[in-house]
Structures are given as structure tokens and as C-alpha cells.
C-alpha atoms as a PDB file:
ATOM      1  CA  MET A   1     -82.547  -3.593  62.434  1.00  0.00           C
ATOM      2  CA  ALA A   2     -83.137  -5.330  59.381  1.00  0.00           C
ATOM      3  CA  LYS A   3     -82.145  -4.310  55.803  1.00  0.00           C
ATOM      4  CA  LYS A   4     -84.435  -2.435  53.734  1.00  0.00           C
ATOM      5  CA  ASN A   5     -85.021  -3.880  50.086  1.00  0.00           C
ATOM      6  CA  LYS A   6     -83.340  -1.793  47.443  1.00  0.00           C
ATOM      7  CA  LYS A   7     -86.286   0.188  45.449  1.00  0.00           C
ATOM      8  CA  LYS A   8     -86.006   1.850  41.941  1.00  0.00           C
ATOM      9  CA  LYS A   9     -87.790   5.112  41.845  1.00  0.00           C
ATOM     10  CA  GLY A  10     -89.584   4.382  38.572  1.00  0.00           C
ATOM     11  CA  HIS A  11     -91.894   1.336  39.542  1.00  0.00           C
ATOM     12  CA  GLY A  12     -91.699   0.721  42.932  1.00  0.00           C
ATOM     13  CA  GLY A  13     -90.886  -2.947  43.172  1.00  0.00           C
ATOM     14  CA  GLN A  14     -87.801  -4.987  44.074  1.00  0.00           C
ATOM     15  CA  THR A  15     -85.303  -4.724  40.616  1.00  0.00           C
ATOM     16  CA  ILE A  16     -84.407  -8.245  39.313  1.00  0.00           C
ATOM     17  CA  ALA A  17     -82.200  -7.144  36.733  1.00  0.00           C
ATOM     18  CA  ARG A  18     -81.856  -4.038  34.703  1.00  0.00           C
ATOM     19  CA  ASN A  19     -80.505  -3.326  31.056  1.00  0.00           C
ATOM     20  CA  LYS A  20     -77.684  -0.854  31.155  1.00  0.00           C
ATOM     21  CA  VAL A  21     -77.021  -1.835  27.305  1.00  0.00           C
ATOM     22  CA  ALA A  22     -80.173  -0.477  26.086  1.00  0.00           C
ATOM     23  CA  PHE A  23     -79.669   2.995  27.932  1.00  0.00           C
ATOM     24  CA  HIS A  24     -76.029   3.475  26.690  1.00  0.00           C
ATOM     25  CA  ASP A  25     -77.175   2.283  22.750  1.00  0.00           C
ATOM     26  CA  TYR A  26     -80.399   3.924  22.441  1.00  0.00           C
ATOM     27  CA  PHE A  27     -82.646   6.831  23.400  1.00  0.00           C
ATOM     28  CA  ILE A  28     -85.618   5.707  25.135  1.00  0.00           C
ATOM     29  CA  GLU A  29     -88.708   7.835  24.364  1.00  0.00           C
ATOM     30  CA  ASP A  30     -91.690   6.049  26.099  1.00  0.00           C
ATOM     31  CA  THR A  31     -92.175   2.868  28.541  1.00  0.00           C
ATOM     32  CA  PHE A  32     -94.689   0.286  29.073  1.00  0.00           C
ATOM     33  CA  GLU A  33     -95.204  -2.333  31.875  1.00  0.00           C
ATOM     34  CA  ALA A  34     -95.697  -5.719  31.070  1.00  0.00           C
ATOM     35  CA  GLY A  35     -96.454  -9.079  32.442  1.00  0.00           C
ATOM     36  CA  MET A  36     -94.446 -12.420  31.890  1.00  0.00           C
ATOM     37  CA  VAL A  37     -95.795 -15.642  31.105  1.00  0.00           C
ATOM     38  CA  LEU A  38     -93.240 -17.624  33.358  1.00  0.00           C
ATOM     39  CA  GLU A  39     -92.797 -21.574  34.440  1.00  0.00           C
ATOM     40  CA  GLY A  40     -92.230 -22.425  38.143  1.00  0.00           C
ATOM     41  CA  TRP A  41     -88.592 -22.930  37.718  1.00  0.00           C
ATOM     42  CA  GLU A  42     -88.174 -19.417  35.935  1.00  0.00           C
ATOM     43  CA  VAL A  43     -89.813 -18.004  39.275  1.00  0.00           C
ATOM     44  CA  LYS A  44     -87.792 -19.732  41.770  1.00  0.00           C
ATOM     45  CA  SER A  45     -84.591 -18.637  39.268  1.00  0.00           C
ATOM     46  CA  LEU A  46     -85.698 -14.926  39.386  1.00  0.00           C
ATOM     47  CA  ARG A  47     -86.098 -14.852  43.388  1.00  0.00           C
ATOM     48  CA  ASP A  48     -82.621 -15.990  43.598  1.00  0.00           C
ATOM     49  CA  GLY A  49     -81.473 -12.899  40.992  1.00  0.00           C
ATOM     50  CA  ARG A  50     -80.547 -15.377  37.755  1.00  0.00           C
ATOM     51  CA  ALA A  51     -81.597 -13.017  35.087  1.00  0.00           C
ATOM     52  CA  GLN A  52     -79.788 -11.316  32.259  1.00  0.00           C
ATOM     53  CA  LEU A  53     -81.811  -8.457  29.666  1.00  0.00           C
ATOM     54  CA  LYS A  54     -78.553  -7.914  28.116  1.00  0.00           C
ATOM     55  CA  GLU A  55     -79.206  -9.506  24.398  1.00  0.00           C
ATOM     56  CA  GLY A  56     -83.202  -9.404  24.822  1.00  0.00           C
ATOM     57  CA  TYR A  57     -85.675  -8.026  22.213  1.00  0.00           C
ATOM     58  CA  VAL A  58     -89.392  -7.601  22.146  1.00  0.00           C
ATOM     59  CA  PHE A  59     -91.398  -8.485  18.823  1.00  0.00           C
ATOM     60  CA  ILE A  60     -94.912  -8.341  18.005  1.00  0.00           C
ATOM     61  CA  LYS A  61     -96.204 -11.280  16.112  1.00  0.00           C
ATOM     62  CA  ASN A  62     -99.706 -11.847  15.460  1.00  0.00           C
ATOM     63  CA  GLY A  63    -101.414  -9.238  17.792  1.00  0.00           C
ATOM     64  CA  GLU A  64     -99.190 -10.399  20.671  1.00  0.00           C
ATOM     65  CA  ALA A  65     -95.740  -9.049  22.186  1.00  0.00           C
ATOM     66  CA  TRP A  66     -92.859 -11.450  23.083  1.00  0.00           C
ATOM     67  CA  ILE A  67     -89.812 -11.327  24.401  1.00  0.00           C
ATOM     68  CA  SER A  68     -86.869 -13.525  23.137  1.00  0.00           C
ATOM     69  CA  GLY A  69     -83.026 -13.202  24.089  1.00  0.00           C
ATOM     70  CA  ALA A  70     -83.423 -12.767  27.814  1.00  0.00           C
ATOM     71  CA  GLN A  71     -81.918 -15.220  29.656  1.00  0.00           C
ATOM     72  CA  ILE A  72     -82.984 -16.691  32.859  1.00  0.00           C
ATOM     73  CA  THR A  73     -80.313 -19.278  34.188  1.00  0.00           C
ATOM     74  CA  PRO A  74     -81.930 -22.419  35.939  1.00  0.00           C
ATOM     75  CA  LEU A  75     -80.985 -23.543  39.374  1.00  0.00           C
ATOM     76  CA  LEU A  76     -78.787 -26.337  40.037  1.00  0.00           C
ATOM     77  CA  THR A  77     -81.466 -27.893  41.901  1.00  0.00           C
ATOM     78  CA  ALA A  78     -84.464 -27.983  39.206  1.00  0.00           C
ATOM     79  CA  SER A  79     -86.528 -30.912  39.191  1.00  0.00           C
ATOM     80  CA  THR A  80     -85.545 -33.859  37.058  1.00  0.00           C
ATOM     81  CA  HIS A  81     -88.153 -34.169  34.879  1.00  0.00           C
ATOM     82  CA  ILE A  82     -88.294 -30.481  33.263  1.00  0.00           C
ATOM     83  CA  HIS A  83     -85.765 -29.705  30.797  1.00  0.00           C
ATOM     84  CA  PRO A  84     -85.327 -25.980  31.100  1.00  0.00           C
ATOM     85  CA  ASN A  85     -84.353 -23.427  28.348  1.00  0.00           C
ATOM     86  CA  ALA A  86     -82.593 -20.486  29.593  1.00  0.00           C
ATOM     87  CA  THR A  87     -83.487 -18.119  26.263  1.00  0.00           C
ATOM     88  CA  ARG A  88     -87.083 -19.353  25.539  1.00  0.00           C
ATOM     89  CA  VAL A  89     -89.230 -17.094  23.711  1.00  0.00           C
ATOM     90  CA  ARG A  90     -91.583 -15.816  26.703  1.00  0.00           C
ATOM     91  CA  LYS A  91     -95.130 -14.501  26.072  1.00  0.00           C
ATOM     92  CA  LEU A  92     -95.766 -10.564  27.405  1.00  0.00           C
ATOM     93  CA  LEU A  93     -98.724  -9.677  28.741  1.00  0.00           C
ATOM     94  CA  LEU A  94    -100.171  -6.353  27.719  1.00  0.00           C
ATOM     95  CA  HIS A  95    -103.384  -4.248  26.802  1.00  0.00           C
ATOM     96  CA  ASP A  96    -104.335  -4.503  23.225  1.00  0.00           C
ATOM     97  CA  TYR A  97    -104.489  -0.624  23.152  1.00  0.00           C
ATOM     98  CA  GLU A  98    -100.581  -0.831  24.463  1.00  0.00           C
ATOM     99  CA  ILE A  99     -99.604  -3.461  21.550  1.00  0.00           C
ATOM    100  CA  VAL A 100    -101.054  -1.406  19.013  1.00  0.00           C
ATOM    101  CA  LYS A 101     -99.419   1.752  20.117  1.00  0.00           C
ATOM    102  CA  LEU A 102     -96.110  -0.501  20.062  1.00  0.00           C
ATOM    103  CA  LYS A 103     -96.602  -1.592  16.922  1.00  0.00           C
ATOM    104  CA  ALA A 104     -97.359   1.790  15.693  1.00  0.00           C
ATOM    105  CA  GLU A 105     -94.027   3.501  16.880  1.00  0.00           C
ATOM    106  CA  VAL A 106     -91.914   0.407  15.734  1.00  0.00           C
ATOM    107  CA  ASP A 107     -93.043   0.921  12.051  1.00  0.00           C
ATOM    108  CA  ARG A 108     -91.397   4.065  12.074  1.00  0.00           C
ATOM    109  CA  LYS A 109     -88.041   3.842  10.836  1.00  0.00           C
ATOM    110  CA  GLY A 110     -85.255   2.899  13.216  1.00  0.00           C
ATOM    111  CA  TYR A 111     -87.371   2.310  16.244  1.00  0.00           C
ATOM    112  CA  SER A 112     -87.103  -0.496  18.446  1.00  0.00           C
ATOM    113  CA  ILE A 113     -88.661  -2.466  21.710  1.00  0.00           C
ATOM    114  CA  LEU A 114     -86.287  -3.248  23.864  1.00  0.00           C
ATOM    115  CA  PRO A 115     -86.572  -4.625  28.001  1.00  0.00           C
ATOM    116  CA  LEU A 116     -85.233  -2.228  30.428  1.00  0.00           C
ATOM    117  CA  SER A 117     -86.086  -3.471  33.791  1.00  0.00           C
ATOM    118  CA  LEU A 118     -86.898  -6.585  35.473  1.00  0.00           C
ATOM    119  CA  TYR A 119     -88.559  -6.341  38.627  1.00  0.00           C
ATOM    120  CA  TRP A 120     -91.381  -7.226  41.388  1.00  0.00           C
ATOM    121  CA  LYS A 121     -94.525  -5.954  41.992  1.00  0.00           C
ATOM    122  CA  ASN A 122     -97.559  -7.283  44.218  1.00  0.00           C
ATOM    123  CA  ASN A 123     -95.310 -10.701  44.149  1.00  0.00           C
ATOM    124  CA  ARG A 124     -95.783 -10.848  40.130  1.00  0.00           C
ATOM    125  CA  VAL A 125     -93.014 -10.250  37.903  1.00  0.00           C
ATOM    126  CA  LYS A 126     -92.935  -7.011  35.581  1.00  0.00           C
ATOM    127  CA  LEU A 127     -90.863  -6.273  32.767  1.00  0.00           C
ATOM    128  CA  GLU A 128     -90.556  -2.344  32.123  1.00  0.00           C
ATOM    129  CA  ILE A 129     -90.301  -2.350  28.216  1.00  0.00           C
ATOM    130  CA  GLY A 130     -89.171   0.894  26.088  1.00  0.00           C
ATOM    131  CA  VAL A 131     -89.244   2.420  22.702  1.00  0.00           C
ATOM    132  CA  GLY A 132     -85.862   3.654  21.751  1.00  0.00           C
ATOM    133  CA  LYS A 133     -84.055   5.014  18.877  1.00  0.00           C
ATOM    134  CA  GLY A 134     -80.607   3.794  18.164  1.00  0.00           C
ATOM    135  CA  LYS A 135     -77.693   6.072  19.141  1.00  0.00           C
ATOM    136  CA  LYS A 136     -74.967   7.265  16.661  1.00  0.00           C
ATOM    137  CA  GLN A 137     -71.498   6.831  17.918  1.00  0.00           C
ATOM    138  CA  HIS A 138     -71.258  10.811  18.473  1.00  0.00           C
ATOM    139  CA  ASP A 139     -74.491  10.387  20.262  1.00  0.00           C
ATOM    140  CA  LYS A 140     -72.722   7.833  22.781  1.00  0.00           C
ATOM    141  CA  ARG A 141     -70.090  10.128  23.162  1.00  0.00           C
ATOM    142  CA  ALA A 142     -72.094  13.265  24.316  1.00  0.00           C
ATOM    143  CA  THR A 143     -74.120  11.096  26.811  1.00  0.00           C
ATOM    144  CA  GLU A 144     -70.814   9.976  28.239  1.00  0.00           C
ATOM    145  CA  LYS A 145     -69.429  13.691  28.455  1.00  0.00           C
ATOM    146  CA  GLU A 146     -72.752  14.815  30.141  1.00  0.00           C
ATOM    147  CA  LYS A 147     -72.795  11.798  32.846  1.00  0.00           C
ATOM    148  CA  ASP A 148     -69.015  12.677  33.388  1.00  0.00           C
ATOM    149  CA  TRP A 149     -69.867  16.650  33.930  1.00  0.00           C
ATOM    150  CA  ASN A 150     -72.820  15.847  36.012  1.00  0.00           C
ATOM    151  CA  ARG A 151     -70.499  13.286  38.310  1.00  0.00           C
ATOM    152  CA  ASP A 152     -68.248  16.226  38.903  1.00  0.00           C
ATOM    153  CA  LYS A 153     -70.724  19.033  39.467  1.00  0.00           C
ATOM    154  CA  GLN A 154     -72.041  16.740  42.413  1.00  0.00           C
ATOM    155  CA  ARG A 155     -68.470  16.601  43.545  1.00  0.00           C
ATOM    156  CA  VAL A 156     -67.726  20.162  43.882  1.00  0.00           C
ATOM    157  CA  LEU A 157     -70.971  21.003  45.087  1.00  0.00           C
ATOM    158  CA  LYS A 158     -70.759  18.418  48.112  1.00  0.00           C
ATOM    159  CA  GLY A 159     -67.099  19.742  48.916  1.00  0.00           C
ATOM    160  CA  ARG A 160     -68.565  23.064  49.981  1.00  0.00           C
END
């Protein structure tokens, strides 16, 4: 029997990369799905799973959304006439009303737009972005404590 692809519950596509740091450092309040403008070598690298969203961030400039800091490592077999840039600024494809809503939420104090996950959907690369507010140190501790408690609770319930 063939292996089934791992699927994440939120978007229904095969996950390429997740940004776990964003969930640790921010309270995510709202999420959006955006397409990405990519070059051919980037798509090939994504098929091989060579992406990292850890240091990425999204900004809005001139009514367009852009992602910077997200790293797509080129394959070693890249073409000789292309000079790949792993951390280039990439354009995000969103509707106008989504960009307006993102801009309005970011203008509030302490909010940021973060890349959450990169995944395939109908043979297209999609990026889930979220609007989040930074956590303080005591919030991070409380979240960690709650995760530990839920894990222990599941172990006790499974043992019965």
C-alpha cells in the first residue's frame, strides 16, 4: 500500500514549511491565504522541501503585500545561467480588500504580519499569513505550561 501524504487540518494541502516560532512569540488573531510569485528554480526547490519561514516577515508597500526574509534554498543542480537569491523579496497575491484589512490591523499598536505556513493547493504554492500581537515572557511561560498540562492530561486519559 502506498504512503498517504501528510495533510494539515487548516488548509487541506501538503505542508512544505511551518513557522513554529511565530506561534511561540505571537498571539495569532487572524489568518489569510496568499499566493506567491515565484521563479522556476524556487518551485523546484519547494518540491524538494527546501524552505524556511523562521525569519520571514510580511510588509505592505504601495498597496501590495511582500514577504522578506523567507529562505528558499536553491538546488545544487540549478541552471548555470540563473543566479538564485535565496532570500529575495517575493510578491504576495492577495485581494485588494484583504490588503486593506491587513494594513488597518498592522497600523494598530504592536501588531505584525507573519508567515505561518507554506503549502501546496491545487499544484500552486500558497502561504498562510497571520496577524499577530507579540507575547511577553510571562505569556510564553503560561502557554508552555498549558501545553504541558494538556499533554499530561492526554497521557492520563489514554492510560485508562
